[in-house]
Amino acid sequence: MARSRRSLLRPLALGLGLGLAALAPLAAGCAGKAQADASAETAAAKAETKEAPTFPASEVAVATAVTVPEQLVVTGTIEPFDRADIVPDVSGKVIEVLVDRGSVVQAGDPLMKLDTRQAALSEKEARANLASLRAQQKLADDTCRRSKELLDKGAITQSEWERDQAQCAQARLNVSAASARLGKAGEALDDGVVRAPFAGTISERWVSLGEWASPQMKAFTLVDDHALRADLTLSEAASVHAKLGADVRIAPIAARDHVV
């Protein structure tokens, strides 16, 4: 009996040993899973700590009210205040050009000279004609004085005296006309030299040496660049906002920061 009991106890003890051995790995597995879960939570916490964004310190500014001027942007051109296309007053061949494009001149400066030989001849003829008519007027005046004396003495009739007076009047008219022709011939001679009407800069030269110039052809373009003016184009809608006395700032299109 005792032997059979030991026989029964050995398998039971062996079974208990196996059961304990089986529980040991299970317990070890549970402990490993808990440790792994704890490590994962620690890693996630570290990741969340690293990924948390940082923001720079902000500054607080106080808002203030300012007045913004109303601006009206338009386009236009800058032009000289005075501009003239210069033409000769007489026709003639260009014998000398005294200025070129970009030349600075003063009022009255000569710009070019024309061939005035024909004008000089006309002036000489007019001067000689005037001298002849003045001599004729002197004779007519002497005749009129004598005619008056004869009329007072009754040596001539009233009609003869009136005829002499008419001749004297015609002589005076002839002298006046000849004097005017001489003045015109002198002007034509002077006009052979084309002069600047005002001070400025020659912007264009249209004639060359040897060409024929006439009053119908411009010879030079003269501008007064000492004073400039702005020619601005305003639309009907923009003109409503334009005010007299408003400040105007002008800048080239290619350099808008360069305000003039």
C-alpha atoms as a PDB file:
ATOM      1  CA  MET A   1       0.000   0.000   0.000  1.00  0.00           C
ATOM      2  CA  ALA A   2       2.739   2.409   0.920  1.00  0.00           C
ATOM      3  CA  ARG A   3       4.497   1.784  -2.391  1.00  0.00           C
ATOM      4  CA  SER A   4       1.400   2.363  -4.385  1.00  0.00           C
ATOM      5  CA  ARG A   5       0.803   5.692  -2.597  1.00  0.00           C
ATOM      6  CA  ARG A   6       4.273   6.885  -3.474  1.00  0.00           C
ATOM      7  CA  SER A   7       3.588   5.888  -6.995  1.00  0.00           C
ATOM      8  CA  LEU A   8       0.516   8.025  -7.106  1.00  0.00           C
ATOM      9  CA  LEU A   9       2.220  10.995  -5.449  1.00  0.00           C
ATOM     10  CA  ARG A  10       5.130  11.066  -7.941  1.00  0.00           C
ATOM     11  CA  PRO A  11       2.948  11.847 -10.950  1.00  0.00           C
ATOM     12  CA  LEU A  12       1.086  14.403  -8.893  1.00  0.00           C
ATOM     13  CA  ALA A  13       4.288  16.097  -7.845  1.00  0.00           C
ATOM     14  CA  LEU A  14       5.547  15.919 -11.380  1.00  0.00           C
ATOM     15  CA  GLY A  15       2.314  17.457 -12.590  1.00  0.00           C
ATOM     16  CA  LEU A  16       2.562  20.233 -10.082  1.00  0.00           C
ATOM     17  CA  GLY A  17       6.119  20.838 -11.194  1.00  0.00           C
ATOM     18  CA  LEU A  18       5.087  21.102 -14.762  1.00  0.00           C
ATOM     19  CA  GLY A  19       2.258  23.424 -13.850  1.00  0.00           C
ATOM     20  CA  LEU A  20       4.565  25.697 -11.968  1.00  0.00           C
ATOM     21  CA  ALA A  21       7.014  25.621 -14.820  1.00  0.00           C
ATOM     22  CA  ALA A  22       4.247  26.575 -17.192  1.00  0.00           C
ATOM     23  CA  LEU A  23       3.117  29.438 -14.989  1.00  0.00           C
ATOM     24  CA  ALA A  24       6.604  30.868 -14.779  1.00  0.00           C
ATOM     25  CA  PRO A  25       6.873  31.762 -18.482  1.00  0.00           C
ATOM     26  CA  LEU A  26       3.356  33.164 -18.386  1.00  0.00           C
ATOM     27  CA  ALA A  27       4.222  35.391 -15.493  1.00  0.00           C
ATOM     28  CA  ALA A  28       7.405  36.440 -17.244  1.00  0.00           C
ATOM     29  CA  GLY A  29       5.397  37.251 -20.372  1.00  0.00           C
ATOM     30  CA  CYS A  30       2.983  39.437 -18.417  1.00  0.00           C
ATOM     31  CA  ALA A  31       5.829  41.275 -16.768  1.00  0.00           C
ATOM     32  CA  GLY A  32       7.523  41.861 -20.162  1.00  0.00           C
ATOM     33  CA  LYS A  33       4.317  43.217 -21.701  1.00  0.00           C
ATOM     34  CA  ALA A  34       3.815  45.652 -18.850  1.00  0.00           C
ATOM     35  CA  GLN A  35       7.411  46.839 -19.161  1.00  0.00           C
ATOM     36  CA  ALA A  36       6.993  47.277 -22.957  1.00  0.00           C
ATOM     37  CA  ASP A  37       3.804  49.282 -22.469  1.00  0.00           C
ATOM     38  CA  ALA A  38       5.551  51.534 -19.988  1.00  0.00           C
ATOM     39  CA  SER A  39       8.479  52.082 -22.370  1.00  0.00           C
ATOM     40  CA  ALA A  40       6.092  52.937 -25.239  1.00  0.00           C
ATOM     41  CA  GLU A  41       4.278  55.494 -23.084  1.00  0.00           C
ATOM     42  CA  THR A  42       7.614  57.058 -22.079  1.00  0.00           C
ATOM     43  CA  ALA A  43       8.735  57.242 -25.738  1.00  0.00           C
ATOM     44  CA  ALA A  44       5.430  58.818 -26.782  1.00  0.00           C
ATOM     45  CA  ALA A  45       5.735  61.391 -24.028  1.00  0.00           C
ATOM     46  CA  LYS A  46       9.239  62.250 -25.162  1.00  0.00           C
ATOM     47  CA  ALA A  47       8.063  62.518 -28.782  1.00  0.00           C
ATOM     48  CA  GLU A  48       5.233  64.816 -27.774  1.00  0.00           C
ATOM     49  CA  THR A  49       7.709  66.936 -25.829  1.00  0.00           C
ATOM     50  CA  LYS A  50      10.053  67.245 -28.838  1.00  0.00           C
ATOM     51  CA  GLU A  51       7.264  67.985 -31.363  1.00  0.00           C
ATOM     52  CA  ALA A  52       5.659  70.721 -29.277  1.00  0.00           C
ATOM     53  CA  PRO A  53       6.148  74.025 -31.306  1.00  0.00           C
ATOM     54  CA  THR A  54       7.823  77.002 -29.758  1.00  0.00           C
ATOM     55  CA  PHE A  55       6.498  80.531 -30.431  1.00  0.00           C
ATOM     56  CA  PRO A  56       8.601  83.722 -30.283  1.00  0.00           C
ATOM     57  CA  ALA A  57       7.735  86.363 -27.817  1.00  0.00           C
ATOM     58  CA  SER A  58       5.199  88.781 -29.317  1.00  0.00           C
ATOM     59  CA  GLU A  59       5.324  92.583 -29.058  1.00  0.00           C
ATOM     60  CA  VAL A  60       2.278  94.714 -28.463  1.00  0.00           C
ATOM     61  CA  ALA A  61       1.946  97.964 -30.463  1.00  0.00           C
ATOM     62  CA  VAL A  62      -0.527 100.740 -29.822  1.00  0.00           C
ATOM     63  CA  ALA A  63      -2.613 101.646 -32.888  1.00  0.00           C
ATOM     64  CA  THR A  64      -2.749 105.353 -33.695  1.00  0.00           C
ATOM     65  CA  ALA A  65      -4.936 107.223 -36.175  1.00  0.00           C
ATOM     66  CA  VAL A  66      -3.134 109.005 -39.052  1.00  0.00           C
ATOM     67  CA  THR A  67      -4.372 111.042 -41.995  1.00  0.00           C
ATOM     68  CA  VAL A  68      -3.489 109.516 -45.375  1.00  0.00           C
ATOM     69  CA  PRO A  69      -3.396 112.149 -48.143  1.00  0.00           C
ATOM     70  CA  GLU A  70      -5.513 111.446 -51.173  1.00  0.00           C
ATOM     71  CA  GLN A  71      -3.348 110.913 -54.237  1.00  0.00           C
ATOM     72  CA  LEU A  72      -4.336 111.324 -57.861  1.00  0.00           C
ATOM     73  CA  VAL A  73      -1.952 109.671 -60.321  1.00  0.00           C
ATOM     74  CA  VAL A  74      -2.005 111.051 -63.866  1.00  0.00           C
ATOM     75  CA  THR A  75       0.388 111.050 -66.814  1.00  0.00           C
ATOM     76  CA  GLY A  76       1.731 113.924 -68.841  1.00  0.00           C
ATOM     77  CA  THR A  77       4.811 115.532 -70.336  1.00  0.00           C
ATOM     78  CA  ILE A  78       7.354 118.128 -69.236  1.00  0.00           C
ATOM     79  CA  GLU A  79       7.741 120.890 -71.802  1.00  0.00           C
ATOM     80  CA  PRO A  80       9.729 124.122 -71.984  1.00  0.00           C
ATOM     81  CA  PHE A  81       7.717 127.213 -71.148  1.00  0.00           C
ATOM     82  CA  ASP A  82       8.750 128.938 -74.400  1.00  0.00           C
ATOM     83  CA  ARG A  83       9.290 127.149 -77.698  1.00  0.00           C
ATOM     84  CA  ALA A  84       9.620 128.642 -81.182  1.00  0.00           C
ATOM     85  CA  ASP A  85      10.226 127.378 -84.695  1.00  0.00           C
ATOM     86  CA  ILE A  86      12.501 130.012 -86.222  1.00  0.00           C
ATOM     87  CA  VAL A  87      12.111 130.865 -89.908  1.00  0.00           C
ATOM     88  CA  PRO A  88      13.903 133.517 -91.968  1.00  0.00           C
ATOM     89  CA  ASP A  89      11.923 136.597 -92.945  1.00  0.00           C
ATOM     90  CA  VAL A  90      13.447 136.590 -96.445  1.00  0.00           C
ATOM     91  CA  SER A  91      14.413 133.922 -98.943  1.00  0.00           C
ATOM     92  CA  GLY A  92      18.023 133.223 -99.733  1.00  0.00           C
ATOM     93  CA  LYS A  93      20.831 130.732 -99.949  1.00  0.00           C
ATOM     94  CA  VAL A  94      22.371 129.675 -96.640  1.00  0.00           C
ATOM     95  CA  ILE A  95      26.000 130.813 -96.644  1.00  0.00           C
ATOM     96  CA  GLU A  96      26.801 130.287 -92.956  1.00  0.00           C
ATOM     97  CA  VAL A  97      25.311 128.280 -90.058  1.00  0.00           C
ATOM     98  CA  LEU A  98      26.525 129.614 -86.718  1.00  0.00           C
ATOM     99  CA  VAL A  99      24.830 127.225 -84.238  1.00  0.00           C
ATOM    100  CA  ASP A 100      24.011 123.553 -83.957  1.00  0.00           C
ATOM    101  CA  ARG A 101      21.736 121.339 -81.920  1.00  0.00           C
ATOM    102  CA  GLY A 102      22.392 121.884 -78.213  1.00  0.00           C
ATOM    103  CA  SER A 103      23.891 125.348 -78.632  1.00  0.00           C
ATOM    104  CA  VAL A 104      22.986 127.838 -75.898  1.00  0.00           C
ATOM    105  CA  VAL A 105      22.176 131.287 -77.267  1.00  0.00           C
ATOM    106  CA  GLN A 106      21.142 134.677 -75.958  1.00  0.00           C
ATOM    107  CA  ALA A 107      18.439 136.927 -77.355  1.00  0.00           C
ATOM    108  CA  GLY A 108      19.712 138.600 -80.521  1.00  0.00           C
ATOM    109  CA  ASP A 109      22.544 136.157 -81.187  1.00  0.00           C
ATOM    110  CA  PRO A 110      23.022 135.367 -84.913  1.00  0.00           C
ATOM    111  CA  LEU A 111      22.022 131.824 -85.883  1.00  0.00           C
ATOM    112  CA  MET A 112      22.694 131.761 -89.627  1.00  0.00           C
ATOM    113  CA  LYS A 113      23.436 134.066 -92.556  1.00  0.00           C
ATOM    114  CA  LEU A 114      21.821 134.164 -95.990  1.00  0.00           C
ATOM    115  CA  ASP A 115      23.198 135.391 -99.277  1.00  0.00           C
ATOM    116  CA  THR A 116      22.050 139.035 -99.261  1.00  0.00           C
ATOM    117  CA  ARG A 117      23.732 140.287-102.412  1.00  0.00           C
ATOM    118  CA  GLN A 118      20.394 140.820-104.154  1.00  0.00           C
ATOM    119  CA  ALA A 119      18.992 142.538-101.073  1.00  0.00           C
ATOM    120  CA  ALA A 120      22.044 144.783-100.913  1.00  0.00           C
ATOM    121  CA  LEU A 121      21.549 145.748-104.573  1.00  0.00           C
ATOM    122  CA  SER A 122      17.876 146.524-103.967  1.00  0.00           C
ATOM    123  CA  GLU A 123      18.787 148.648-100.966  1.00  0.00           C
ATOM    124  CA  LYS A 124      21.328 150.583-103.019  1.00  0.00           C
ATOM    125  CA  GLU A 125      18.797 151.258-105.793  1.00  0.00           C
ATOM    126  CA  ALA A 126      16.180 152.380-103.269  1.00  0.00           C
ATOM    127  CA  ARG A 127      18.640 154.759-101.655  1.00  0.00           C
ATOM    128  CA  ALA A 128      19.550 156.309-105.034  1.00  0.00           C
ATOM    129  CA  ASN A 129      15.891 156.660-106.008  1.00  0.00           C
ATOM    130  CA  LEU A 130      15.124 158.409-102.740  1.00  0.00           C
ATOM    131  CA  ALA A 131      17.943 160.873-103.302  1.00  0.00           C
ATOM    132  CA  SER A 132      16.622 161.673-106.790  1.00  0.00           C
ATOM    133  CA  LEU A 133      13.068 162.216-105.582  1.00  0.00           C
ATOM    134  CA  ARG A 134      14.229 164.451-102.755  1.00  0.00           C
ATOM    135  CA  ALA A 135      15.999 166.621-105.324  1.00  0.00           C
ATOM    136  CA  GLN A 136      12.797 166.786-107.360  1.00  0.00           C
ATOM    137  CA  GLN A 137      10.843 167.719-104.233  1.00  0.00           C
ATOM    138  CA  LYS A 138      13.245 170.573-103.545  1.00  0.00           C
ATOM    139  CA  LEU A 139      12.660 171.962-107.057  1.00  0.00           C
ATOM    140  CA  ALA A 140       8.916 171.582-106.649  1.00  0.00           C
ATOM    141  CA  ASP A 141       8.979 173.418-103.313  1.00  0.00           C
ATOM    142  CA  ASP A 142      10.939 176.281-104.903  1.00  0.00           C
ATOM    143  CA  THR A 143       8.400 176.457-107.732  1.00  0.00           C
ATOM    144  CA  CYS A 144       5.533 176.571-105.259  1.00  0.00           C
ATOM    145  CA  ARG A 145       7.089 179.465-103.350  1.00  0.00           C
ATOM    146  CA  ARG A 146       7.617 181.469-106.539  1.00  0.00           C
ATOM    147  CA  SER A 147       4.116 180.587-107.693  1.00  0.00           C
ATOM    148  CA  LYS A 148       2.696 182.016-104.474  1.00  0.00           C
ATOM    149  CA  GLU A 149       4.586 185.268-104.972  1.00  0.00           C
ATOM    150  CA  LEU A 150       3.390 185.541-108.576  1.00  0.00           C
ATOM    151  CA  LEU A 151      -0.175 184.842-107.501  1.00  0.00           C
ATOM    152  CA  ASP A 152      -0.013 187.617-104.930  1.00  0.00           C
ATOM    153  CA  LYS A 153       1.232 190.020-107.649  1.00  0.00           C
ATOM    154  CA  GLY A 154      -1.428 188.839-110.080  1.00  0.00           C
ATOM    155  CA  ALA A 155       1.153 187.515-112.544  1.00  0.00           C
ATOM    156  CA  ILE A 156      -0.438 184.037-112.688  1.00  0.00           C
ATOM    157  CA  THR A 157      -3.953 182.751-112.407  1.00  0.00           C
ATOM    158  CA  GLN A 158      -5.460 180.794-109.528  1.00  0.00           C
ATOM    159  CA  SER A 159      -5.551 177.594-111.589  1.00  0.00           C
ATOM    160  CA  GLU A 160      -1.844 177.882-112.413  1.00  0.00           C
ATOM    161  CA  TRP A 161      -1.031 178.281-108.740  1.00  0.00           C
ATOM    162  CA  GLU A 162      -3.165 175.236-107.852  1.00  0.00           C
ATOM    163  CA  ARG A 163      -1.364 173.187-110.498  1.00  0.00           C
ATOM    164  CA  ASP A 164       1.996 174.054-108.953  1.00  0.00           C
ATOM    165  CA  GLN A 165       0.686 173.155-105.488  1.00  0.00           C
ATOM    166  CA  ALA A 166      -0.451 169.746-106.769  1.00  0.00           C
ATOM    167  CA  GLN A 167       3.007 169.097-108.175  1.00  0.00           C
ATOM    168  CA  CYS A 168       4.553 169.970-104.826  1.00  0.00           C
ATOM    169  CA  ALA A 169       2.202 167.585-103.007  1.00  0.00           C
ATOM    170  CA  GLN A 170       2.991 164.785-105.459  1.00  0.00           C
ATOM    171  CA  ALA A 171       6.703 165.337-104.969  1.00  0.00           C
ATOM    172  CA  ARG A 172       6.294 164.958-101.207  1.00  0.00           C
ATOM    173  CA  LEU A 173       4.310 161.733-101.700  1.00  0.00           C
ATOM    174  CA  ASN A 174       6.988 160.367-104.010  1.00  0.00           C
ATOM    175  CA  VAL A 175       9.659 161.026-101.419  1.00  0.00           C
ATOM    176  CA  SER A 176       7.588 159.361 -98.701  1.00  0.00           C
ATOM    177  CA  ALA A 177       7.045 156.239-100.833  1.00  0.00           C
ATOM    178  CA  ALA A 178      10.718 156.054-101.772  1.00  0.00           C
ATOM    179  CA  SER A 179      11.694 156.367 -98.122  1.00  0.00           C
ATOM    180  CA  ALA A 180       9.409 153.442 -97.250  1.00  0.00           C
ATOM    181  CA  ARG A 181      10.926 151.320-100.025  1.00  0.00           C
ATOM    182  CA  LEU A 182      14.407 152.104 -98.752  1.00  0.00           C
ATOM    183  CA  GLY A 183      13.399 151.079 -95.244  1.00  0.00           C
ATOM    184  CA  LYS A 184      11.997 147.798 -96.522  1.00  0.00           C
ATOM    185  CA  ALA A 185      15.146 147.136 -98.539  1.00  0.00           C
ATOM    186  CA  GLY A 186      17.228 147.810 -95.446  1.00  0.00           C
ATOM    187  CA  GLU A 187      15.123 145.383 -93.410  1.00  0.00           C
ATOM    188  CA  ALA A 188      15.558 142.710 -96.071  1.00  0.00           C
ATOM    189  CA  LEU A 189      19.294 143.260 -95.863  1.00  0.00           C
ATOM    190  CA  ASP A 190      19.232 142.954 -92.078  1.00  0.00           C
ATOM    191  CA  ASP A 191      16.967 139.894 -92.283  1.00  0.00           C
ATOM    192  CA  GLY A 192      19.754 138.098 -94.089  1.00  0.00           C
ATOM    193  CA  VAL A 193      21.088 137.409 -90.595  1.00  0.00           C
ATOM    194  CA  VAL A 194      18.649 135.192 -88.656  1.00  0.00           C
ATOM    195  CA  ARG A 195      18.797 135.939 -84.925  1.00  0.00           C
ATOM    196  CA  ALA A 196      17.475 134.285 -81.763  1.00  0.00           C
ATOM    197  CA  PRO A 197      14.244 135.910 -80.518  1.00  0.00           C
ATOM    198  CA  PHE A 198      14.925 134.916 -76.895  1.00  0.00           C
ATOM    199  CA  ALA A 199      17.539 133.172 -74.781  1.00  0.00           C
ATOM    200  CA  GLY A 200      17.467 129.395 -74.797  1.00  0.00           C
ATOM    201  CA  THR A 201      18.839 126.207 -76.328  1.00  0.00           C
ATOM    202  CA  ILE A 202      18.722 125.075 -79.953  1.00  0.00           C
ATOM    203  CA  SER A 203      16.816 121.775 -79.827  1.00  0.00           C
ATOM    204  CA  GLU A 204      16.686 121.154 -83.592  1.00  0.00           C
ATOM    205  CA  ARG A 205      18.551 122.406 -86.657  1.00  0.00           C
ATOM    206  CA  TRP A 206      16.699 121.988 -89.947  1.00  0.00           C
ATOM    207  CA  VAL A 207      19.010 123.744 -92.420  1.00  0.00           C
ATOM    208  CA  SER A 208      22.446 123.052 -93.831  1.00  0.00           C
ATOM    209  CA  LEU A 209      25.064 125.093 -95.592  1.00  0.00           C
ATOM    210  CA  GLY A 210      24.195 125.741 -99.233  1.00  0.00           C
ATOM    211  CA  GLU A 211      20.463 125.053 -98.914  1.00  0.00           C
ATOM    212  CA  TRP A 212      17.768 127.514 -99.945  1.00  0.00           C
ATOM    213  CA  ALA A 213      15.909 128.979 -96.984  1.00  0.00           C
ATOM    214  CA  SER A 214      12.557 130.729 -97.128  1.00  0.00           C
ATOM    215  CA  PRO A 215       9.860 132.006 -94.751  1.00  0.00           C
ATOM    216  CA  GLN A 216       7.859 128.835 -95.480  1.00  0.00           C
ATOM    217  CA  MET A 217      10.606 126.577 -94.091  1.00  0.00           C
ATOM    218  CA  LYS A 218      11.671 126.420 -90.444  1.00  0.00           C
ATOM    219  CA  ALA A 219      15.392 126.715 -89.846  1.00  0.00           C
ATOM    220  CA  PHE A 220      15.759 126.069 -86.095  1.00  0.00           C
ATOM    221  CA  THR A 221      13.723 125.092 -83.046  1.00  0.00           C
ATOM    222  CA  LEU A 222      14.566 127.165 -79.981  1.00  0.00           C
ATOM    223  CA  VAL A 223      13.395 126.276 -76.454  1.00  0.00           C
ATOM    224  CA  ASP A 224      13.698 128.145 -73.190  1.00  0.00           C
ATOM    225  CA  ASP A 225      14.734 125.378 -70.782  1.00  0.00           C
ATOM    226  CA  HIS A 226      15.148 127.762 -67.846  1.00  0.00           C
ATOM    227  CA  ALA A 227      11.428 127.455 -67.120  1.00  0.00           C
ATOM    228  CA  LEU A 228       9.489 124.214 -67.585  1.00  0.00           C
ATOM    229  CA  ARG A 229       5.804 123.423 -67.421  1.00  0.00           C
ATOM    230  CA  ALA A 230       3.897 120.184 -66.914  1.00  0.00           C
ATOM    231  CA  ASP A 231       1.202 119.306 -69.427  1.00  0.00           C
ATOM    232  CA  LEU A 232      -0.994 116.784 -67.593  1.00  0.00           C
ATOM    233  CA  THR A 233      -3.938 114.872 -68.998  1.00  0.00           C
ATOM    234  CA  LEU A 234      -6.913 114.470 -66.646  1.00  0.00           C
ATOM    235  CA  SER A 235      -9.898 112.302 -67.335  1.00  0.00           C
ATOM    236  CA  GLU A 236     -13.359 113.644 -66.608  1.00  0.00           C
ATOM    237  CA  ALA A 237     -13.590 111.485 -63.492  1.00  0.00           C
ATOM    238  CA  ALA A 238     -10.152 112.541 -62.246  1.00  0.00           C
ATOM    239  CA  SER A 239     -10.782 116.228 -62.857  1.00  0.00           C
ATOM    240  CA  VAL A 240     -13.436 116.194 -60.126  1.00  0.00           C
ATOM    241  CA  HIS A 241     -10.759 115.450 -57.509  1.00  0.00           C
ATOM    242  CA  ALA A 242      -8.249 118.026 -58.763  1.00  0.00           C
ATOM    243  CA  LYS A 243      -8.137 121.162 -56.619  1.00  0.00           C
ATOM    244  CA  LEU A 244      -6.604 124.559 -57.245  1.00  0.00           C
ATOM    245  CA  GLY A 245      -3.444 125.041 -55.201  1.00  0.00           C
ATOM    246  CA  ALA A 246      -2.910 121.339 -54.510  1.00  0.00           C
ATOM    247  CA  ASP A 247       0.671 120.092 -54.232  1.00  0.00           C
ATOM    248  CA  VAL A 248       1.941 118.290 -57.319  1.00  0.00           C
ATOM    249  CA  ARG A 249       4.840 115.854 -57.323  1.00  0.00           C
ATOM    250  CA  ILE A 250       6.339 114.902 -60.667  1.00  0.00           C
ATOM    251  CA  ALA A 251       8.538 111.865 -61.314  1.00  0.00           C
ATOM    252  CA  PRO A 252       9.757 110.168 -64.506  1.00  0.00           C
ATOM    253  CA  ILE A 253       8.018 106.925 -65.398  1.00  0.00           C
ATOM    254  CA  ALA A 254      11.350 105.098 -65.497  1.00  0.00           C
ATOM    255  CA  ALA A 255      12.380 106.404 -62.048  1.00  0.00           C
ATOM    256  CA  ARG A 256       9.299 106.973 -59.925  1.00  0.00           C
ATOM    257  CA  ASP A 257      11.380 107.556 -56.774  1.00  0.00           C
ATOM    258  CA  HIS A 258      13.118 110.542 -58.383  1.00  0.00           C
ATOM    259  CA  VAL A 259      10.635 113.297 -57.579  1.00  0.00           C
ATOM    260  CA  VAL A 260      11.228 116.684 -59.165  1.00  0.00           C
END
